Amino acid sequence: MGMPTSPDPQIDAEEILKQILASNLRAYRKRRGISQMELANELELSPAYYGSIERGQQNLQFSTVGRIADAIGVHPLELLSGTTPED
């Protein structure tokens, strides 16, 4: 049995994970009721860099994913799951 293929073979797994993380992060941040600027400051990241994370433009280290998850109060795997949290 082979590996499942993504719906669009032109999109690789890394891009899919970045987009899932970006979407989930945005939803959890909004659920927490804080702005990108506030979360960036809490994480000691520049607002521009944090914004690029939410746009799925950054390759993150696991330690950064962990810090973000801790800051918004979710398990890191929730940020990488294929389902977006309900508002």
PDB file of N, CA and C in Angstrom:
ATOM      1  N   MET A   1       0.833  -1.174   0.000  1.00  0.00           N
ATOM      2  CA  MET A   1       0.000   0.000   0.000  1.00  0.00           C
ATOM      3  C   MET A   1       0.882   1.244   0.000  1.00  0.00           C
ATOM      4  N   GLY A   2       0.649   2.164  -0.923  1.00  0.00           N
ATOM      5  CA  GLY A   2       1.484   3.346  -1.041  1.00  0.00           C
ATOM      6  C   GLY A   2       1.004   4.481  -0.158  1.00  0.00           C
ATOM      7  N   MET A   3       1.797   5.529  -0.138  1.00  0.00           N
ATOM      8  CA  MET A   3       1.452   6.731   0.607  1.00  0.00           C
ATOM      9  C   MET A   3       0.282   7.419  -0.083  1.00  0.00           C
ATOM     10  N   PRO A   4      -0.642   8.010   0.677  1.00  0.00           N
ATOM     11  CA  PRO A   4      -1.726   8.750   0.044  1.00  0.00           C
ATOM     12  C   PRO A   4      -1.161   9.971  -0.666  1.00  0.00           C
ATOM     13  N   THR A   5      -1.755  10.303  -1.767  1.00  0.00           N
ATOM     14  CA  THR A   5      -1.295  11.461  -2.520  1.00  0.00           C
ATOM     15  C   THR A   5      -2.114  12.677  -2.140  1.00  0.00           C
ATOM     16  N   SER A   6      -1.502  13.843  -2.248  1.00  0.00           N
ATOM     17  CA  SER A   6      -2.227  15.074  -1.959  1.00  0.00           C
ATOM     18  C   SER A   6      -3.155  15.359  -3.134  1.00  0.00           C
ATOM     19  N   PRO A   7      -4.221  16.141  -2.902  1.00  0.00           N
ATOM     20  CA  PRO A   7      -5.158  16.442  -3.969  1.00  0.00           C
ATOM     21  C   PRO A   7      -4.485  17.101  -5.175  1.00  0.00           C
ATOM     22  N   ASP A   8      -3.476  17.910  -4.953  1.00  0.00           N
ATOM     23  CA  ASP A   8      -2.762  18.580  -6.037  1.00  0.00           C
ATOM     24  C   ASP A   8      -1.299  18.163  -5.968  1.00  0.00           C
ATOM     25  N   PRO A   9      -0.840  17.347  -6.925  1.00  0.00           N
ATOM     26  CA  PRO A   9       0.540  16.867  -6.852  1.00  0.00           C
ATOM     27  C   PRO A   9       1.578  17.976  -6.961  1.00  0.00           C
ATOM     28  N   GLN A  10       1.172  19.169  -7.386  1.00  0.00           N
ATOM     29  CA  GLN A  10       2.105  20.286  -7.486  1.00  0.00           C
ATOM     30  C   GLN A  10       2.412  20.911  -6.122  1.00  0.00           C
ATOM     31  N   ILE A  11       1.592  20.608  -5.126  1.00  0.00           N
ATOM     32  CA  ILE A  11       1.791  21.153  -3.787  1.00  0.00           C
ATOM     33  C   ILE A  11       2.452  20.085  -2.931  1.00  0.00           C
ATOM     34  N   ASP A  12       3.616  20.392  -2.385  1.00  0.00           N
ATOM     35  CA  ASP A  12       4.312  19.378  -1.593  1.00  0.00           C
ATOM     36  C   ASP A  12       3.871  19.408  -0.127  1.00  0.00           C
ATOM     37  N   ALA A  13       4.266  18.396   0.598  1.00  0.00           N
ATOM     38  CA  ALA A  13       3.845  18.228   1.988  1.00  0.00           C
ATOM     39  C   ALA A  13       4.235  19.419   2.855  1.00  0.00           C
ATOM     40  N   GLU A  14       5.397  19.990   2.608  1.00  0.00           N
ATOM     41  CA  GLU A  14       5.845  21.134   3.400  1.00  0.00           C
ATOM     42  C   GLU A  14       4.883  22.304   3.255  1.00  0.00           C
ATOM     43  N   GLU A  15       4.465  22.587   2.035  1.00  0.00           N
ATOM     44  CA  GLU A  15       3.529  23.686   1.802  1.00  0.00           C
ATOM     45  C   GLU A  15       2.173  23.403   2.447  1.00  0.00           C
ATOM     46  N   ILE A  16       1.726  22.166   2.368  1.00  0.00           N
ATOM     47  CA  ILE A  16       0.456  21.798   2.983  1.00  0.00           C
ATOM     48  C   ILE A  16       0.523  22.025   4.489  1.00  0.00           C
ATOM     49  N   LEU A  17       1.613  21.577   5.131  1.00  0.00           N
ATOM     50  CA  LEU A  17       1.759  21.772   6.576  1.00  0.00           C
ATOM     51  C   LEU A  17       1.821  23.251   6.944  1.00  0.00           C
ATOM     52  N   LYS A  18       2.528  24.052   6.153  1.00  0.00           N
ATOM     53  CA  LYS A  18       2.607  25.486   6.442  1.00  0.00           C
ATOM     54  C   LYS A  18       1.231  26.128   6.371  1.00  0.00           C
ATOM     55  N   GLN A  19       0.423  25.728   5.384  1.00  0.00           N
ATOM     56  CA  GLN A  19      -0.907  26.313   5.239  1.00  0.00           C
ATOM     57  C   GLN A  19      -1.851  25.846   6.351  1.00  0.00           C
ATOM     58  N   ILE A  20      -1.747  24.582   6.748  1.00  0.00           N
ATOM     59  CA  ILE A  20      -2.563  24.079   7.862  1.00  0.00           C
ATOM     60  C   ILE A  20      -2.198  24.829   9.139  1.00  0.00           C
ATOM     61  N   LEU A  21      -0.906  24.943   9.418  1.00  0.00           N
ATOM     62  CA  LEU A  21      -0.458  25.653  10.611  1.00  0.00           C
ATOM     63  C   LEU A  21      -0.948  27.096  10.579  1.00  0.00           C
ATOM     64  N   ALA A  22      -0.807  27.760   9.456  1.00  0.00           N
ATOM     65  CA  ALA A  22      -1.215  29.165   9.335  1.00  0.00           C
ATOM     66  C   ALA A  22      -2.705  29.330   9.613  1.00  0.00           C
ATOM     67  N   SER A  23      -3.515  28.477   9.002  1.00  0.00           N
ATOM     68  CA  SER A  23      -4.964  28.561   9.168  1.00  0.00           C
ATOM     69  C   SER A  23      -5.377  28.284  10.612  1.00  0.00           C
ATOM     70  N   ASN A  24      -4.820  27.228  11.195  1.00  0.00           N
ATOM     71  CA  ASN A  24      -5.165  26.884  12.576  1.00  0.00           C
ATOM     72  C   ASN A  24      -4.677  27.941  13.550  1.00  0.00           C
ATOM     73  N   LEU A  25      -3.481  28.440  13.341  1.00  0.00           N
ATOM     74  CA  LEU A  25      -2.930  29.466  14.218  1.00  0.00           C
ATOM     75  C   LEU A  25      -3.806  30.709  14.205  1.00  0.00           C
ATOM     76  N   ARG A  26      -4.206  31.150  13.017  1.00  0.00           N
ATOM     77  CA  ARG A  26      -5.065  32.320  12.892  1.00  0.00           C
ATOM     78  C   ARG A  26      -6.388  32.096  13.647  1.00  0.00           C
ATOM     79  N   ALA A  27      -6.983  30.906  13.473  1.00  0.00           N
ATOM     80  CA  ALA A  27      -8.260  30.608  14.131  1.00  0.00           C
ATOM     81  C   ALA A  27      -8.107  30.590  15.653  1.00  0.00           C
ATOM     82  N   TYR A  28      -7.067  29.929  16.162  1.00  0.00           N
ATOM     83  CA  TYR A  28      -6.864  29.875  17.616  1.00  0.00           C
ATOM     84  C   TYR A  28      -6.545  31.258  18.188  1.00  0.00           C
ATOM     85  N   ARG A  29      -5.765  32.045  17.455  1.00  0.00           N
ATOM     86  CA  ARG A  29      -5.443  33.396  17.936  1.00  0.00           C
ATOM     87  C   ARG A  29      -6.714  34.237  18.019  1.00  0.00           C
ATOM     88  N   LYS A  30      -7.535  34.166  16.987  1.00  0.00           N
ATOM     89  CA  LYS A  30      -8.784  34.934  16.994  1.00  0.00           C
ATOM     90  C   LYS A  30      -9.710  34.454  18.107  1.00  0.00           C
ATOM     91  N   ARG A  31      -9.750  33.139  18.318  1.00  0.00           N
ATOM     92  CA  ARG A  31     -10.578  32.584  19.391  1.00  0.00           C
ATOM     93  C   ARG A  31     -10.119  33.142  20.738  1.00  0.00           C
ATOM     94  N   ARG A  32      -8.818  33.323  20.889  1.00  0.00           N
ATOM     95  CA  ARG A  32      -8.268  33.875  22.132  1.00  0.00           C
ATOM     96  C   ARG A  32      -8.533  35.374  22.235  1.00  0.00           C
ATOM     97  N   GLY A  33      -8.906  36.013  21.120  1.00  0.00           N
ATOM     98  CA  GLY A  33      -9.261  37.427  21.124  1.00  0.00           C
ATOM     99  C   GLY A  33      -8.085  38.378  21.156  1.00  0.00           C
ATOM    100  N   ILE A  34      -6.966  37.968  20.548  1.00  0.00           N
ATOM    101  CA  ILE A  34      -5.806  38.860  20.520  1.00  0.00           C
ATOM    102  C   ILE A  34      -5.384  39.128  19.084  1.00  0.00           C
ATOM    103  N   SER A  35      -4.732  40.246  18.902  1.00  0.00           N
ATOM    104  CA  SER A  35      -4.272  40.638  17.569  1.00  0.00           C
ATOM    105  C   SER A  35      -2.947  39.956  17.237  1.00  0.00           C
ATOM    106  N   GLN A  36      -2.602  40.003  15.973  1.00  0.00           N
ATOM    107  CA  GLN A  36      -1.290  39.491  15.555  1.00  0.00           C
ATOM    108  C   GLN A  36      -0.183  40.224  16.295  1.00  0.00           C
ATOM    109  N   MET A  37      -0.318  41.535  16.418  1.00  0.00           N
ATOM    110  CA  MET A  37       0.692  42.348  17.092  1.00  0.00           C
ATOM    111  C   MET A  37       0.863  41.918  18.548  1.00  0.00           C
ATOM    112  N   GLU A  38      -0.253  41.694  19.239  1.00  0.00           N
ATOM    113  CA  GLU A  38      -0.176  41.281  20.639  1.00  0.00           C
ATOM    114  C   GLU A  38       0.518  39.929  20.787  1.00  0.00           C
ATOM    115  N   LEU A  39       0.163  38.976  19.922  1.00  0.00           N
ATOM    116  CA  LEU A  39       0.791  37.657  20.019  1.00  0.00           C
ATOM    117  C   LEU A  39       2.262  37.732  19.625  1.00  0.00           C
ATOM    118  N   ALA A  40       2.578  38.511  18.609  1.00  0.00           N
ATOM    119  CA  ALA A  40       3.984  38.676  18.215  1.00  0.00           C
ATOM    120  C   ALA A  40       4.795  39.231  19.375  1.00  0.00           C
ATOM    121  N   ASN A  41       4.249  40.232  20.056  1.00  0.00           N
ATOM    122  CA  ASN A  41       4.949  40.814  21.206  1.00  0.00           C
ATOM    123  C   ASN A  41       5.115  39.801  22.320  1.00  0.00           C
ATOM    124  N   GLU A  42       4.076  39.021  22.589  1.00  0.00           N
ATOM    125  CA  GLU A  42       4.140  38.002  23.640  1.00  0.00           C
ATOM    126  C   GLU A  42       5.216  36.959  23.321  1.00  0.00           C
ATOM    127  N   LEU A  43       5.346  36.635  22.035  1.00  0.00           N
ATOM    128  CA  LEU A  43       6.331  35.643  21.602  1.00  0.00           C
ATOM    129  C   LEU A  43       7.715  36.237  21.370  1.00  0.00           C
ATOM    130  N   GLU A  44       7.814  37.554  21.498  1.00  0.00           N
ATOM    131  CA  GLU A  44       9.052  38.282  21.230  1.00  0.00           C
ATOM    132  C   GLU A  44       9.518  38.059  19.793  1.00  0.00           C
ATOM    133  N   LEU A  45       8.538  38.136  18.865  1.00  0.00           N
ATOM    134  CA  LEU A  45       8.808  38.056  17.430  1.00  0.00           C
ATOM    135  C   LEU A  45       8.407  39.385  16.811  1.00  0.00           C
ATOM    136  N   SER A  46       9.012  39.730  15.695  1.00  0.00           N
ATOM    137  CA  SER A  46       8.584  40.950  15.024  1.00  0.00           C
ATOM    138  C   SER A  46       7.189  40.724  14.444  1.00  0.00           C
ATOM    139  N   PRO A  47       6.353  41.762  14.447  1.00  0.00           N
ATOM    140  CA  PRO A  47       5.016  41.617  13.872  1.00  0.00           C
ATOM    141  C   PRO A  47       5.051  41.172  12.401  1.00  0.00           C
ATOM    142  N   ALA A  48       6.026  41.652  11.650  1.00  0.00           N
ATOM    143  CA  ALA A  48       6.137  41.263  10.236  1.00  0.00           C
ATOM    144  C   ALA A  48       6.435  39.769  10.110  1.00  0.00           C
ATOM    145  N   TYR A  49       7.335  39.269  10.933  1.00  0.00           N
ATOM    146  CA  TYR A  49       7.672  37.850  10.902  1.00  0.00           C
ATOM    147  C   TYR A  49       6.473  37.015  11.320  1.00  0.00           C
ATOM    148  N   TYR A  50       5.802  37.424  12.405  1.00  0.00           N
ATOM    149  CA  TYR A  50       4.637  36.681  12.860  1.00  0.00           C
ATOM    150  C   TYR A  50       3.556  36.666  11.770  1.00  0.00           C
ATOM    151  N   GLY A  51       3.325  37.806  11.139  1.00  0.00           N
ATOM    152  CA  GLY A  51       2.332  37.872  10.063  1.00  0.00           C
ATOM    153  C   GLY A  51       2.662  36.914   8.939  1.00  0.00           C
ATOM    154  N   SER A  52       3.948  36.780   8.623  1.00  0.00           N
ATOM    155  CA  SER A  52       4.347  35.862   7.559  1.00  0.00           C
ATOM    156  C   SER A  52       4.114  34.403   7.973  1.00  0.00           C
ATOM    157  N   ILE A  53       4.148  34.116   9.275  1.00  0.00           N
ATOM    158  CA  ILE A  53       3.815  32.771   9.754  1.00  0.00           C
ATOM    159  C   ILE A  53       2.339  32.497   9.465  1.00  0.00           C
ATOM    160  N   GLU A  54       1.477  33.473   9.793  1.00  0.00           N
ATOM    161  CA  GLU A  54       0.040  33.284   9.567  1.00  0.00           C
ATOM    162  C   GLU A  54      -0.321  33.268   8.085  1.00  0.00           C
ATOM    163  N   ARG A  55       0.555  33.736   7.241  1.00  0.00           N
ATOM    164  CA  ARG A  55       0.320  33.650   5.791  1.00  0.00           C
ATOM    165  C   ARG A  55       0.932  32.381   5.199  1.00  0.00           C
ATOM    166  N   GLY A  56       1.545  31.559   6.040  1.00  0.00           N
ATOM    167  CA  GLY A  56       2.126  30.306   5.579  1.00  0.00           C
ATOM    168  C   GLY A  56       3.403  30.490   4.789  1.00  0.00           C
ATOM    169  N   GLN A  57       4.150  31.538   5.093  1.00  0.00           N
ATOM    170  CA  GLN A  57       5.360  31.850   4.333  1.00  0.00           C
ATOM    171  C   GLN A  57       6.652  31.475   5.055  1.00  0.00           C
ATOM    172  N   GLN A  58       6.555  30.910   6.256  1.00  0.00           N
ATOM    173  CA  GLN A  58       7.758  30.612   7.036  1.00  0.00           C
ATOM    174  C   GLN A  58       7.897  29.116   7.300  1.00  0.00           C
ATOM    175  N   ASN A  59       9.119  28.652   7.232  1.00  0.00           N
ATOM    176  CA  ASN A  59       9.443  27.308   7.710  1.00  0.00           C
ATOM    177  C   ASN A  59       9.843  27.471   9.172  1.00  0.00           C
ATOM    178  N   LEU A  60       9.093  26.829  10.055  1.00  0.00           N
ATOM    179  CA  LEU A  60       9.337  27.011  11.480  1.00  0.00           C
ATOM    180  C   LEU A  60      10.054  25.825  12.085  1.00  0.00           C
ATOM    181  N   GLN A  61      10.857  26.109  13.087  1.00  0.00           N
ATOM    182  CA  GLN A  61      11.467  25.050  13.877  1.00  0.00           C
ATOM    183  C   GLN A  61      10.419  24.521  14.844  1.00  0.00           C
ATOM    184  N   PHE A  62      10.580  23.270  15.248  1.00  0.00           N
ATOM    185  CA  PHE A  62       9.638  22.691  16.204  1.00  0.00           C
ATOM    186  C   PHE A  62       9.577  23.516  17.478  1.00  0.00           C
ATOM    187  N   SER A  63      10.710  24.073  17.897  1.00  0.00           N
ATOM    188  CA  SER A  63      10.712  24.866  19.125  1.00  0.00           C
ATOM    189  C   SER A  63       9.822  26.101  18.981  1.00  0.00           C
ATOM    190  N   THR A  64       9.776  26.690  17.803  1.00  0.00           N
ATOM    191  CA  THR A  64       8.923  27.859  17.575  1.00  0.00           C
ATOM    192  C   THR A  64       7.459  27.450  17.577  1.00  0.00           C
ATOM    193  N   VAL A  65       7.137  26.334  16.939  1.00  0.00           N
ATOM    194  CA  VAL A  65       5.756  25.830  16.965  1.00  0.00           C
ATOM    195  C   VAL A  65       5.338  25.581  18.411  1.00  0.00           C
ATOM    196  N   GLY A  66       6.216  25.006  19.200  1.00  0.00           N
ATOM    197  CA  GLY A  66       5.923  24.751  20.606  1.00  0.00           C
ATOM    198  C   GLY A  66       5.684  26.029  21.392  1.00  0.00           C
ATOM    199  N   ARG A  67       6.510  27.039  21.163  1.00  0.00           N
ATOM    200  CA  ARG A  67       6.342  28.328  21.861  1.00  0.00           C
ATOM    201  C   ARG A  67       5.005  28.964  21.499  1.00  0.00           C
ATOM    202  N   ILE A  68       4.663  28.913  20.210  1.00  0.00           N
ATOM    203  CA  ILE A  68       3.397  29.497  19.768  1.00  0.00           C
ATOM    204  C   ILE A  68       2.227  28.742  20.394  1.00  0.00           C
ATOM    205  N   ALA A  69       2.286  27.417  20.373  1.00  0.00           N
ATOM    206  CA  ALA A  69       1.215  26.602  20.961  1.00  0.00           C
ATOM    207  C   ALA A  69       1.049  26.925  22.441  1.00  0.00           C
ATOM    208  N   ASP A  70       2.155  27.022  23.167  1.00  0.00           N
ATOM    209  CA  ASP A  70       2.093  27.367  24.589  1.00  0.00           C
ATOM    210  C   ASP A  70       1.442  28.735  24.786  1.00  0.00           C
ATOM    211  N   ALA A  71       1.809  29.694  23.938  1.00  0.00           N
ATOM    212  CA  ALA A  71       1.304  31.058  24.089  1.00  0.00           C
ATOM    213  C   ALA A  71      -0.202  31.142  23.851  1.00  0.00           C
ATOM    214  N   ILE A  72      -0.734  30.317  22.950  1.00  0.00           N
ATOM    215  CA  ILE A  72      -2.173  30.385  22.689  1.00  0.00           C
ATOM    216  C   ILE A  72      -2.957  29.305  23.429  1.00  0.00           C
ATOM    217  N   GLY A  73      -2.234  28.460  24.187  1.00  0.00           N
ATOM    218  CA  GLY A  73      -2.889  27.489  25.051  1.00  0.00           C
ATOM    219  C   GLY A  73      -3.444  26.264  24.355  1.00  0.00           C
ATOM    220  N   VAL A  74      -2.725  25.778  23.334  1.00  0.00           N
ATOM    221  CA  VAL A  74      -3.147  24.550  22.664  1.00  0.00           C
ATOM    222  C   VAL A  74      -1.971  23.590  22.578  1.00  0.00           C
ATOM    223  N   HIS A  75      -2.255  22.327  22.324  1.00  0.00           N
ATOM    224  CA  HIS A  75      -1.213  21.329  22.116  1.00  0.00           C
ATOM    225  C   HIS A  75      -0.620  21.580  20.724  1.00  0.00           C
ATOM    226  N   PRO A  76       0.693  21.457  20.546  1.00  0.00           N
ATOM    227  CA  PRO A  76       1.300  21.704  19.233  1.00  0.00           C
ATOM    228  C   PRO A  76       0.656  20.902  18.099  1.00  0.00           C
ATOM    229  N   LEU A  77       0.220  19.690  18.381  1.00  0.00           N
ATOM    230  CA  LEU A  77      -0.407  18.888  17.324  1.00  0.00           C
ATOM    231  C   LEU A  77      -1.712  19.506  16.826  1.00  0.00           C
ATOM    232  N   GLU A  78      -2.383  20.284  17.683  1.00  0.00           N
ATOM    233  CA  GLU A  78      -3.605  20.950  17.248  1.00  0.00           C
ATOM    234  C   GLU A  78      -3.311  21.974  16.157  1.00  0.00           C
ATOM    235  N   LEU A  79      -2.125  22.570  16.198  1.00  0.00           N
ATOM    236  CA  LEU A  79      -1.759  23.524  15.164  1.00  0.00           C
ATOM    237  C   LEU A  79      -1.455  22.845  13.831  1.00  0.00           C
ATOM    238  N   LEU A  80      -1.105  21.571  13.897  1.00  0.00           N
ATOM    239  CA  LEU A  80      -0.713  20.846  12.676  1.00  0.00           C
ATOM    240  C   LEU A  80      -1.764  19.867  12.193  1.00  0.00           C
ATOM    241  N   SER A  81      -2.914  19.804  12.887  1.00  0.00           N
ATOM    242  CA  SER A  81      -3.954  18.874  12.458  1.00  0.00           C
ATOM    243  C   SER A  81      -4.609  19.387  11.187  1.00  0.00           C
ATOM    244  N   GLY A  82      -5.205  18.491  10.456  1.00  0.00           N
ATOM    245  CA  GLY A  82      -5.840  18.866   9.195  1.00  0.00           C
ATOM    246  C   GLY A  82      -7.190  19.522   9.337  1.00  0.00           C
ATOM    247  N   THR A  83      -7.634  19.749  10.564  1.00  0.00           N
ATOM    248  CA  THR A  83      -8.932  20.388  10.752  1.00  0.00           C
ATOM    249  C   THR A  83      -8.757  21.745  11.419  1.00  0.00           C
ATOM    250  N   THR A  84      -9.491  22.703  10.920  1.00  0.00           N
ATOM    251  CA  THR A  84      -9.449  24.038  11.485  1.00  0.00           C
ATOM    252  C   THR A  84     -10.427  24.105  12.652  1.00  0.00           C
ATOM    253  N   PRO A  85     -10.016  24.705  13.771  1.00  0.00           N
ATOM    254  CA  PRO A  85     -10.931  24.811  14.912  1.00  0.00           C
ATOM    255  C   PRO A  85     -12.155  25.634  14.562  1.00  0.00           C
ATOM    256  N   GLU A  86     -13.269  25.275  15.161  1.00  0.00           N
ATOM    257  CA  GLU A  86     -14.506  26.013  14.939  1.00  0.00           C
ATOM    258  C   GLU A  86     -14.459  27.318  15.736  1.00  0.00           C
ATOM    259  N   ASP A  87     -14.963  28.372  15.122  1.00  0.00           N
ATOM    260  CA  ASP A  87     -15.022  29.678  15.831  1.00  0.00           C
ATOM    261  C   ASP A  87     -16.122  29.696  16.844  1.00  0.00           C
TER     262      ASP A  87
END
